[in-house]
Structure formats: structure tokens, C-alpha cells
Amino acid sequence: MKARMEHFPAKNPNPVLSVEKDGTVLYSNEAAKPLLIEWGVEIGEKLPSRIGDIVEGVLCRNRPEKMEIKVGKKYTW
């Protein structure tokens, strides 16, 4: 049985965010919620400029990028 792609982000144990070109957060799975809390952002709000700049660069290059983010004592990739 094939997994449906639209269900994948919700079940992914890694943080998954969907962000507009202007930095507005459209979607966050459960694993990404600590990132939003750390950044003080909710769905529908813009990412902090330092994170938004990274997102804009990724979108311009049109290729995924991994980044290390410290949230509390844990690092997220």
C-alpha cells in the first residue's frame, strides 16, 4: 500500500514547515512546533528576519537546504 503524500508531513518525526515567499508560516507539523515557540511565531505569522532570509535564499536557489537550529538543549536539522 502506498503512503499518500499529503499525510507524510503530519507523520514525519522531523520538523516540517511550509512557508510563503514572504516568510509567512502556512503549515507546521507537531515536530516543528518547538521551533515556532522558540521563534515566537504562530501559523499565519512571519518568521523572524534571520530565519526568513534563509528561507528566501532556499526558494531563490530552488533546492532544499539543511540547517542546524538549537532549541533548548536539542539541535534540529
PDB file of N, CA and C in Angstrom:
ATOM      1  N   MET A   1       0.842  -1.181   0.000  1.00  0.00           N
ATOM      2  CA  MET A   1       0.000   0.000   0.000  1.00  0.00           C
ATOM      3  C   MET A   1       0.887   1.245   0.000  1.00  0.00           C
ATOM      4  N   LYS A   2       0.649   2.165  -0.888  1.00  0.00           N
ATOM      5  CA  LYS A   2       1.435   3.399  -0.981  1.00  0.00           C
ATOM      6  C   LYS A   2       0.946   4.414   0.035  1.00  0.00           C
ATOM      7  N   ALA A   3       1.895   5.118   0.636  1.00  0.00           N
ATOM      8  CA  ALA A   3       1.543   6.203   1.557  1.00  0.00           C
ATOM      9  C   ALA A   3       1.090   7.405   0.741  1.00  0.00           C
ATOM     10  N   ARG A   4       0.069   8.061   1.189  1.00  0.00           N
ATOM     11  CA  ARG A   4      -0.398   9.258   0.500  1.00  0.00           C
ATOM     12  C   ARG A   4       0.496  10.419   0.891  1.00  0.00           C
ATOM     13  N   MET A   5       0.976  11.144  -0.098  1.00  0.00           N
ATOM     14  CA  MET A   5       1.934  12.234   0.127  1.00  0.00           C
ATOM     15  C   MET A   5       1.384  13.311   1.053  1.00  0.00           C
ATOM     16  N   GLU A   6       0.082  13.614   0.968  1.00  0.00           N
ATOM     17  CA  GLU A   6      -0.453  14.685   1.800  1.00  0.00           C
ATOM     18  C   GLU A   6      -0.440  14.338   3.287  1.00  0.00           C
ATOM     19  N   HIS A   7      -0.318  13.054   3.628  1.00  0.00           N
ATOM     20  CA  HIS A   7      -0.257  12.646   5.029  1.00  0.00           C
ATOM     21  C   HIS A   7       1.178  12.601   5.553  1.00  0.00           C
ATOM     22  N   PHE A   8       2.144  12.583   4.663  1.00  0.00           N
ATOM     23  CA  PHE A   8       3.538  12.428   5.068  1.00  0.00           C
ATOM     24  C   PHE A   8       4.027  13.511   6.022  1.00  0.00           C
ATOM     25  N   PRO A   9       3.846  14.800   5.738  1.00  0.00           N
ATOM     26  CA  PRO A   9       4.389  15.810   6.652  1.00  0.00           C
ATOM     27  C   PRO A   9       3.842  15.699   8.072  1.00  0.00           C
ATOM     28  N   ALA A  10       2.575  15.372   8.214  1.00  0.00           N
ATOM     29  CA  ALA A  10       1.974  15.285   9.541  1.00  0.00           C
ATOM     30  C   ALA A  10       2.573  14.145  10.356  1.00  0.00           C
ATOM     31  N   LYS A  11       2.965  13.065   9.707  1.00  0.00           N
ATOM     32  CA  LYS A  11       3.513  11.894  10.407  1.00  0.00           C
ATOM     33  C   LYS A  11       5.035  11.880  10.462  1.00  0.00           C
ATOM     34  N   ASN A  12       5.672  12.814   9.797  1.00  0.00           N
ATOM     35  CA  ASN A  12       7.131  12.873   9.768  1.00  0.00           C
ATOM     36  C   ASN A  12       7.644  13.207  11.176  1.00  0.00           C
ATOM     37  N   PRO A  13       8.594  12.435  11.711  1.00  0.00           N
ATOM     38  CA  PRO A  13       9.127  12.731  13.041  1.00  0.00           C
ATOM     39  C   PRO A  13      10.067  13.941  13.044  1.00  0.00           C
ATOM     40  N   ASN A  14      10.445  14.410  11.851  1.00  0.00           N
ATOM     41  CA  ASN A  14      11.315  15.579  11.730  1.00  0.00           C
ATOM     42  C   ASN A  14      10.465  16.833  11.537  1.00  0.00           C
ATOM     43  N   PRO A  15      11.001  17.991  11.923  1.00  0.00           N
ATOM     44  CA  PRO A  15      10.249  19.236  11.714  1.00  0.00           C
ATOM     45  C   PRO A  15       9.969  19.498  10.238  1.00  0.00           C
ATOM     46  N   VAL A  16       8.728  19.833   9.927  1.00  0.00           N
ATOM     47  CA  VAL A  16       8.321  20.177   8.569  1.00  0.00           C
ATOM     48  C   VAL A  16       7.533  21.483   8.640  1.00  0.00           C
ATOM     49  N   LEU A  17       7.981  22.469   7.881  1.00  0.00           N
ATOM     50  CA  LEU A  17       7.293  23.758   7.792  1.00  0.00           C
ATOM     51  C   LEU A  17       7.002  24.052   6.329  1.00  0.00           C
ATOM     52  N   SER A  18       5.878  24.688   6.081  1.00  0.00           N
ATOM     53  CA  SER A  18       5.577  25.237   4.765  1.00  0.00           C
ATOM     54  C   SER A  18       5.495  26.739   4.955  1.00  0.00           C
ATOM     55  N   VAL A  19       6.291  27.463   4.142  1.00  0.00           N
ATOM     56  CA  VAL A  19       6.430  28.904   4.328  1.00  0.00           C
ATOM     57  C   VAL A  19       6.267  29.618   2.989  1.00  0.00           C
ATOM     58  N   GLU A  20       5.504  30.714   2.983  1.00  0.00           N
ATOM     59  CA  GLU A  20       5.350  31.553   1.789  1.00  0.00           C
ATOM     60  C   GLU A  20       6.664  32.269   1.494  1.00  0.00           C
ATOM     61  N   LYS A  21       6.785  32.818   0.299  1.00  0.00           N
ATOM     62  CA  LYS A  21       7.985  33.563  -0.089  1.00  0.00           C
ATOM     63  C   LYS A  21       8.239  34.754   0.825  1.00  0.00           C
ATOM     64  N   ASP A  22       7.176  35.324   1.399  1.00  0.00           N
ATOM     65  CA  ASP A  22       7.356  36.480   2.280  1.00  0.00           C
ATOM     66  C   ASP A  22       7.679  36.087   3.716  1.00  0.00           C
ATOM     67  N   GLY A  23       7.820  34.770   3.985  1.00  0.00           N
ATOM     68  CA  GLY A  23       8.178  34.306   5.316  1.00  0.00           C
ATOM     69  C   GLY A  23       7.003  33.941   6.199  1.00  0.00           C
ATOM     70  N   THR A  24       5.783  33.991   5.671  1.00  0.00           N
ATOM     71  CA  THR A  24       4.599  33.625   6.452  1.00  0.00           C
ATOM     72  C   THR A  24       4.500  32.112   6.570  1.00  0.00           C
ATOM     73  N   VAL A  25       4.343  31.628   7.792  1.00  0.00           N
ATOM     74  CA  VAL A  25       4.231  30.194   8.042  1.00  0.00           C
ATOM     75  C   VAL A  25       2.817  29.735   7.678  1.00  0.00           C
ATOM     76  N   LEU A  26       2.749  28.759   6.775  1.00  0.00           N
ATOM     77  CA  LEU A  26       1.468  28.215   6.330  1.00  0.00           C
ATOM     78  C   LEU A  26       1.106  26.921   7.049  1.00  0.00           C
ATOM     79  N   TYR A  27       2.130  26.136   7.405  1.00  0.00           N
ATOM     80  CA  TYR A  27       1.895  24.818   7.994  1.00  0.00           C
ATOM     81  C   TYR A  27       3.063  24.440   8.885  1.00  0.00           C
ATOM     82  N   SER A  28       2.765  23.724   9.949  1.00  0.00           N
ATOM     83  CA  SER A  28       3.787  23.163  10.824  1.00  0.00           C
ATOM     84  C   SER A  28       3.298  21.814  11.320  1.00  0.00           C
ATOM     85  N   ASN A  29       4.148  20.788  11.224  1.00  0.00           N
ATOM     86  CA  ASN A  29       3.777  19.523  11.842  1.00  0.00           C
ATOM     87  C   ASN A  29       4.125  19.598  13.333  1.00  0.00           C
ATOM     88  N   GLU A  30       3.763  18.571  14.083  1.00  0.00           N
ATOM     89  CA  GLU A  30       3.992  18.574  15.536  1.00  0.00           C
ATOM     90  C   GLU A  30       5.470  18.726  15.885  1.00  0.00           C
ATOM     91  N   ALA A  31       6.346  18.081  15.105  1.00  0.00           N
ATOM     92  CA  ALA A  31       7.778  18.125  15.398  1.00  0.00           C
ATOM     93  C   ALA A  31       8.364  19.527  15.236  1.00  0.00           C
ATOM     94  N   ALA A  32       7.731  20.380  14.442  1.00  0.00           N
ATOM     95  CA  ALA A  32       8.239  21.738  14.211  1.00  0.00           C
ATOM     96  C   ALA A  32       7.681  22.760  15.198  1.00  0.00           C
ATOM     97  N   LYS A  33       6.694  22.379  15.975  1.00  0.00           N
ATOM     98  CA  LYS A  33       6.079  23.345  16.904  1.00  0.00           C
ATOM     99  C   LYS A  33       7.062  23.931  17.910  1.00  0.00           C
ATOM    100  N   PRO A  34       8.032  23.150  18.453  1.00  0.00           N
ATOM    101  CA  PRO A  34       9.025  23.782  19.341  1.00  0.00           C
ATOM    102  C   PRO A  34       9.825  24.887  18.658  1.00  0.00           C
ATOM    103  N   LEU A  35      10.065  24.752  17.345  1.00  0.00           N
ATOM    104  CA  LEU A  35      10.766  25.812  16.610  1.00  0.00           C
ATOM    105  C   LEU A  35       9.925  27.081  16.592  1.00  0.00           C
ATOM    106  N   LEU A  36       8.644  26.943  16.295  1.00  0.00           N
ATOM    107  CA  LEU A  36       7.771  28.109  16.264  1.00  0.00           C
ATOM    108  C   LEU A  36       7.692  28.775  17.636  1.00  0.00           C
ATOM    109  N   ILE A  37       7.642  27.961  18.678  1.00  0.00           N
ATOM    110  CA  ILE A  37       7.611  28.506  20.044  1.00  0.00           C
ATOM    111  C   ILE A  37       8.903  29.264  20.330  1.00  0.00           C
ATOM    112  N   GLU A  38      10.038  28.673  19.968  1.00  0.00           N
ATOM    113  CA  GLU A  38      11.340  29.319  20.179  1.00  0.00           C
ATOM    114  C   GLU A  38      11.413  30.654  19.441  1.00  0.00           C
ATOM    115  N   TRP A  39      10.858  30.698  18.236  1.00  0.00           N
ATOM    116  CA  TRP A  39      10.894  31.914  17.417  1.00  0.00           C
ATOM    117  C   TRP A  39       9.782  32.891  17.754  1.00  0.00           C
ATOM    118  N   GLY A  40       8.815  32.467  18.582  1.00  0.00           N
ATOM    119  CA  GLY A  40       7.701  33.330  18.943  1.00  0.00           C
ATOM    120  C   GLY A  40       6.755  33.581  17.781  1.00  0.00           C
ATOM    121  N   VAL A  41       6.537  32.537  16.965  1.00  0.00           N
ATOM    122  CA  VAL A  41       5.730  32.662  15.751  1.00  0.00           C
ATOM    123  C   VAL A  41       4.609  31.625  15.774  1.00  0.00           C
ATOM    124  N   GLU A  42       3.459  32.014  15.242  1.00  0.00           N
ATOM    125  CA  GLU A  42       2.349  31.084  15.064  1.00  0.00           C
ATOM    126  C   GLU A  42       2.045  30.962  13.580  1.00  0.00           C
ATOM    127  N   ILE A  43       1.304  29.932  13.228  1.00  0.00           N
ATOM    128  CA  ILE A  43       0.888  29.761  11.836  1.00  0.00           C
ATOM    129  C   ILE A  43       0.121  31.008  11.420  1.00  0.00           C
ATOM    130  N   GLY A  44       0.457  31.527  10.246  1.00  0.00           N
ATOM    131  CA  GLY A  44      -0.159  32.750   9.742  1.00  0.00           C
ATOM    132  C   GLY A  44       0.686  33.990  10.006  1.00  0.00           C
ATOM    133  N   GLU A  45       1.748  33.831  10.798  1.00  0.00           N
ATOM    134  CA  GLU A  45       2.650  34.950  11.095  1.00  0.00           C
ATOM    135  C   GLU A  45       3.966  34.753  10.348  1.00  0.00           C
ATOM    136  N   LYS A  46       4.743  35.833  10.263  1.00  0.00           N
ATOM    137  CA  LYS A  46       6.029  35.781   9.553  1.00  0.00           C
ATOM    138  C   LYS A  46       7.136  35.288  10.480  1.00  0.00           C
ATOM    139  N   LEU A  47       8.065  34.558   9.879  1.00  0.00           N
ATOM    140  CA  LEU A  47       9.247  34.098  10.594  1.00  0.00           C
ATOM    141  C   LEU A  47      10.114  35.292  10.979  1.00  0.00           C
ATOM    142  N   PRO A  48      10.945  35.150  12.016  1.00  0.00           N
ATOM    143  CA  PRO A  48      11.908  36.211  12.318  1.00  0.00           C
ATOM    144  C   PRO A  48      12.801  36.447  11.096  1.00  0.00           C
ATOM    145  N   SER A  49      13.275  37.659  10.923  1.00  0.00           N
ATOM    146  CA  SER A  49      14.017  38.009   9.710  1.00  0.00           C
ATOM    147  C   SER A  49      15.220  37.109   9.471  1.00  0.00           C
ATOM    148  N   ARG A  50      15.940  36.702  10.512  1.00  0.00           N
ATOM    149  CA  ARG A  50      17.125  35.853  10.314  1.00  0.00           C
ATOM    150  C   ARG A  50      16.748  34.504   9.714  1.00  0.00           C
ATOM    151  N   ILE A  51      15.606  33.969  10.082  1.00  0.00           N
ATOM    152  CA  ILE A  51      15.134  32.692   9.533  1.00  0.00           C
ATOM    153  C   ILE A  51      14.482  32.936   8.170  1.00  0.00           C
ATOM    154  N   GLY A  52      13.720  34.002   8.044  1.00  0.00           N
ATOM    155  CA  GLY A  52      13.077  34.345   6.775  1.00  0.00           C
ATOM    156  C   GLY A  52      14.082  34.555   5.669  1.00  0.00           C
ATOM    157  N   ASP A  53      15.237  35.149   5.997  1.00  0.00           N
ATOM    158  CA  ASP A  53      16.292  35.362   4.997  1.00  0.00           C
ATOM    159  C   ASP A  53      16.816  34.025   4.465  1.00  0.00           C
ATOM    160  N   ILE A  54      16.943  33.050   5.347  1.00  0.00           N
ATOM    161  CA  ILE A  54      17.403  31.719   4.937  1.00  0.00           C
ATOM    162  C   ILE A  54      16.368  31.081   4.018  1.00  0.00           C
ATOM    163  N   VAL A  55      15.098  31.182   4.397  1.00  0.00           N
ATOM    164  CA  VAL A  55      14.015  30.613   3.580  1.00  0.00           C
ATOM    165  C   VAL A  55      13.997  31.262   2.201  1.00  0.00           C
ATOM    166  N   GLU A  56      14.135  32.574   2.160  1.00  0.00           N
ATOM    167  CA  GLU A  56      14.141  33.284   0.878  1.00  0.00           C
ATOM    168  C   GLU A  56      15.285  32.801  -0.010  1.00  0.00           C
ATOM    169  N   GLY A  57      16.462  32.587   0.578  1.00  0.00           N
ATOM    170  CA  GLY A  57      17.607  32.089  -0.184  1.00  0.00           C
ATOM    171  C   GLY A  57      17.361  30.700  -0.740  1.00  0.00           C
ATOM    172  N   VAL A  58      16.738  29.840   0.065  1.00  0.00           N
ATOM    173  CA  VAL A  58      16.425  28.478  -0.383  1.00  0.00           C
ATOM    174  C   VAL A  58      15.448  28.532  -1.554  1.00  0.00           C
ATOM    175  N   LEU A  59      14.434  29.385  -1.445  1.00  0.00           N
ATOM    176  CA  LEU A  59      13.446  29.498  -2.517  1.00  0.00           C
ATOM    177  C   LEU A  59      14.071  30.048  -3.796  1.00  0.00           C
ATOM    178  N   CYS A  60      14.976  31.000  -3.667  1.00  0.00           N
ATOM    179  CA  CYS A  60      15.641  31.574  -4.848  1.00  0.00           C
ATOM    180  C   CYS A  60      16.496  30.538  -5.567  1.00  0.00           C
ATOM    181  N   ARG A  61      17.178  29.689  -4.791  1.00  0.00           N
ATOM    182  CA  ARG A  61      18.036  28.662  -5.387  1.00  0.00           C
ATOM    183  C   ARG A  61      17.227  27.451  -5.853  1.00  0.00           C
ATOM    184  N   ASN A  62      15.977  27.359  -5.358  1.00  0.00           N
ATOM    185  CA  ASN A  62      15.070  26.273  -5.733  1.00  0.00           C
ATOM    186  C   ASN A  62      15.657  24.895  -5.424  1.00  0.00           C
ATOM    187  N   ARG A  63      16.273  24.794  -4.254  1.00  0.00           N
ATOM    188  CA  ARG A  63      16.759  23.494  -3.802  1.00  0.00           C
ATOM    189  C   ARG A  63      16.720  23.464  -2.274  1.00  0.00           C
ATOM    190  N   PRO A  64      16.433  22.301  -1.709  1.00  0.00           N
ATOM    191  CA  PRO A  64      16.341  22.191  -0.251  1.00  0.00           C
ATOM    192  C   PRO A  64      17.679  22.488   0.417  1.00  0.00           C
ATOM    193  N   GLU A  65      17.603  22.871   1.662  1.00  0.00           N
ATOM    194  CA  GLU A  65      18.802  23.143   2.436  1.00  0.00           C
ATOM    195  C   GLU A  65      18.571  22.672   3.860  1.00  0.00           C
ATOM    196  N   LYS A  66      19.579  22.065   4.440  1.00  0.00           N
ATOM    197  CA  LYS A  66      19.505  21.663   5.840  1.00  0.00           C
ATOM    198  C   LYS A  66      20.164  22.736   6.675  1.00  0.00           C
ATOM    199  N   MET A  67      19.611  22.965   7.866  1.00  0.00           N
ATOM    200  CA  MET A  67      20.229  23.920   8.762  1.00  0.00           C
ATOM    201  C   MET A  67      20.109  23.411  10.186  1.00  0.00           C
ATOM    202  N   GLU A  68      21.064  23.777  10.994  1.00  0.00           N
ATOM    203  CA  GLU A  68      21.089  23.365  12.385  1.00  0.00           C
ATOM    204  C   GLU A  68      20.497  24.485  13.230  1.00  0.00           C
ATOM    205  N   ILE A  69      19.517  24.125  14.054  1.00  0.00           N
ATOM    206  CA  ILE A  69      18.860  25.109  14.908  1.00  0.00           C
ATOM    207  C   ILE A  69      18.831  24.553  16.320  1.00  0.00           C
ATOM    208  N   LYS A  70      19.309  25.325  17.274  1.00  0.00           N
ATOM    209  CA  LYS A  70      19.288  24.900  18.661  1.00  0.00           C
ATOM    210  C   LYS A  70      17.998  25.386  19.305  1.00  0.00           C
ATOM    211  N   VAL A  71      17.256  24.441  19.863  1.00  0.00           N
ATOM    212  CA  VAL A  71      16.030  24.746  20.599  1.00  0.00           C
ATOM    213  C   VAL A  71      16.188  24.114  21.972  1.00  0.00           C
ATOM    214  N   GLY A  72      16.390  24.952  22.971  1.00  0.00           N
ATOM    215  CA  GLY A  72      16.675  24.423  24.300  1.00  0.00           C
ATOM    216  C   GLY A  72      18.019  23.729  24.283  1.00  0.00           C
ATOM    217  N   LYS A  73      18.030  22.457  24.669  1.00  0.00           N
ATOM    218  CA  LYS A  73      19.266  21.688  24.682  1.00  0.00           C
ATOM    219  C   LYS A  73      19.405  20.787  23.461  1.00  0.00           C
ATOM    220  N   LYS A  74      18.397  20.814  22.573  1.00  0.00           N
ATOM    221  CA  LYS A  74      18.405  19.938  21.412  1.00  0.00           C
ATOM    222  C   LYS A  74      18.740  20.725  20.147  1.00  0.00           C
ATOM    223  N   TYR A  75      19.366  20.032  19.216  1.00  0.00           N
ATOM    224  CA  TYR A  75      19.639  20.595  17.893  1.00  0.00           C
ATOM    225  C   TYR A  75      18.701  19.927  16.894  1.00  0.00           C
ATOM    226  N   THR A  76      18.133  20.720  15.996  1.00  0.00           N
ATOM    227  CA  THR A  76      17.255  20.238  14.959  1.00  0.00           C
ATOM    228  C   THR A  76      17.912  20.467  13.618  1.00  0.00           C
ATOM    229  N   TRP A  77      17.807  19.520  12.729  1.00  0.00           N
ATOM    230  CA  TRP A  77      18.393  19.634  11.396  1.00  0.00           C
ATOM    231  C   TRP A  77      17.314  19.776  10.370  1.00  0.00           C
TER     232      TRP A  77
END
